[in-house]
Amino acid sequence: MDNFQVLVFRLFEFFVTVISNLFSIIVYIVIRLETKSPEKTKKIYSLIYDNNSKSSKKPVIKKVAKFDNTNTEEDCDPKKQSIIDSLNYLKSKPNKTKQDKESIYSLEMILKNLK
């Protein structure tokens, strides 16, 4: 890239940053006008803009899941074993998403075709 393109790109980054900061200042002012309390304003603003909020944290697994491999043979091939392990993991999840359910179905169909 030549110097002009670099300059234009940096100006664009600068303006995006300025606009983002102005927006967050406006949000803070609106919250302050509504709550009329600096402490409440601080709490609400931190809920909105804090990157370390509870919703952005990854869930912590407190216990190790034990997989039941009783339906597997000792001398089965590694591909089949990895599919079985993946299937056992998905089945052991307490909260299954739509994607998890679809993956379980797909893995079961693959295993059915492999046998």
Protein backbone atom coordinates (compact mmCIF):
# COMPACT_ATOMS: atom_id res chain seq x y z
CA MET A 1 0.00 0.00 0.00
CA ASP A 2 1.22 3.44 -0.72
CA ASN A 3 1.40 6.26 1.82
CA PHE A 4 -1.93 7.77 0.83
CA GLN A 5 -3.81 4.53 1.43
CA VAL A 6 -2.13 4.08 4.81
CA LEU A 7 -3.07 7.64 5.75
CA VAL A 8 -6.70 7.12 4.71
CA PHE A 9 -6.86 3.85 6.64
CA ARG A 10 -5.47 5.44 9.81
CA LEU A 11 -7.87 8.37 9.51
CA PHE A 12 -10.73 5.92 9.16
CA GLU A 13 -9.59 4.06 12.29
CA PHE A 14 -9.32 7.35 14.15
CA PHE A 15 -12.84 8.44 13.20
CA VAL A 16 -14.32 5.09 14.12
CA THR A 17 -12.64 5.31 17.53
CA VAL A 18 -13.87 8.86 18.09
CA ILE A 19 -17.43 7.97 17.11
CA SER A 20 -17.37 4.92 19.37
CA ASN A 21 -16.14 7.00 22.31
CA LEU A 22 -18.75 9.67 21.67
CA PHE A 23 -21.46 7.05 21.61
CA SER A 24 -20.34 5.60 24.94
CA ILE A 25 -20.26 9.12 26.45
CA ILE A 26 -23.79 9.76 25.22
CA VAL A 27 -24.94 6.46 26.70
CA TYR A 28 -23.35 7.39 30.03
CA ILE A 29 -25.07 10.80 30.03
CA VAL A 30 -28.46 9.27 29.26
CA ILE A 31 -28.04 6.71 32.04
CA ARG A 32 -26.95 9.45 34.44
CA LEU A 33 -29.98 11.58 33.59
CA GLU A 34 -32.33 8.64 34.16
CA THR A 35 -30.84 7.27 37.38
CA LYS A 36 -29.79 10.55 39.04
CA SER A 37 -27.29 8.60 41.12
CA PRO A 38 -23.59 8.25 40.29
CA GLU A 39 -23.35 4.81 41.91
CA LYS A 40 -26.27 3.39 39.95
CA THR A 41 -24.97 4.98 36.78
CA LYS A 42 -21.59 3.37 37.32
CA LYS A 43 -23.13 -0.06 37.89
CA ILE A 44 -25.39 0.12 34.84
CA TYR A 45 -22.61 1.45 32.62
CA SER A 46 -20.25 -1.30 33.76
CA LEU A 47 -22.94 -3.90 33.01
CA ILE A 48 -23.20 -2.60 29.47
CA TYR A 49 -19.54 -1.94 28.64
CA ASP A 50 -17.52 -4.12 31.00
CA ASN A 51 -15.70 -6.88 29.09
CA ASN A 52 -15.37 -9.01 32.23
CA SER A 53 -19.09 -9.43 32.79
CA LYS A 54 -20.56 -12.80 33.72
CA SER A 55 -22.20 -13.24 30.33
CA SER A 56 -18.86 -13.13 28.50
CA LYS A 57 -17.09 -15.60 30.81
CA LYS A 58 -16.70 -19.15 29.66
CA PRO A 59 -18.48 -21.75 31.77
CA VAL A 60 -16.30 -23.70 34.17
CA ILE A 61 -16.65 -27.47 34.27
CA LYS A 62 -16.46 -28.55 37.90
CA LYS A 63 -16.50 -32.31 37.48
CA VAL A 64 -14.98 -34.59 34.89
CA ALA A 65 -17.44 -36.55 32.81
CA LYS A 66 -16.87 -40.28 32.63
CA PHE A 67 -17.64 -41.74 29.25
CA ASP A 68 -19.20 -45.16 28.97
CA ASN A 69 -17.42 -47.11 26.27
CA THR A 70 -19.02 -50.49 26.99
CA ASN A 71 -20.46 -50.72 23.49
CA THR A 72 -17.04 -50.40 21.84
CA GLU A 73 -14.63 -53.14 20.94
CA GLU A 74 -11.03 -53.12 22.12
CA ASP A 75 -9.64 -53.45 18.59
CA CYS A 76 -11.88 -50.97 16.69
CA ASP A 77 -10.28 -48.46 14.35
CA PRO A 78 -9.30 -44.95 15.60
CA LYS A 79 -11.84 -43.13 13.40
CA LYS A 80 -14.70 -45.13 14.82
CA GLN A 81 -13.40 -44.68 18.36
CA SER A 82 -13.15 -40.90 17.94
CA ILE A 83 -16.72 -40.77 16.62
CA ILE A 84 -17.90 -42.80 19.62
CA ASP A 85 -16.02 -40.53 22.02
CA SER A 86 -17.53 -37.44 20.40
CA LEU A 87 -20.99 -38.97 20.57
CA ASN A 88 -20.56 -39.86 24.24
CA TYR A 89 -19.39 -36.34 25.01
CA LEU A 90 -22.36 -34.74 23.27
CA LYS A 91 -24.79 -37.11 24.97
CA SER A 92 -23.30 -36.35 28.40
CA LYS A 93 -23.78 -32.58 28.09
CA PRO A 94 -26.50 -31.38 30.49
CA ASN A 95 -27.78 -28.59 28.22
CA LYS A 96 -27.90 -29.62 24.59
CA THR A 97 -28.29 -26.95 21.94
CA LYS A 98 -29.98 -27.45 18.59
CA GLN A 99 -26.56 -27.90 17.00
CA ASP A 100 -25.64 -30.55 19.60
CA LYS A 101 -28.81 -32.51 18.85
CA GLU A 102 -28.14 -32.35 15.13
CA SER A 103 -24.55 -33.47 15.69
CA ILE A 104 -25.71 -36.40 17.83
CA TYR A 105 -28.08 -37.50 15.07
CA SER A 106 -25.37 -37.16 12.41
CA LEU A 107 -22.81 -39.09 14.45
CA GLU A 108 -25.32 -41.86 15.16
CA MET A 109 -26.06 -42.18 11.44
CA ILE A 110 -22.34 -42.33 10.65
CA LEU A 111 -21.83 -45.05 13.25
CA LYS A 112 -24.79 -46.97 11.92
CA ASN A 113 -23.26 -46.93 8.43
CA LEU A 114 -19.84 -47.97 9.74
CA LYS A 115 -21.07 -51.12 11.52
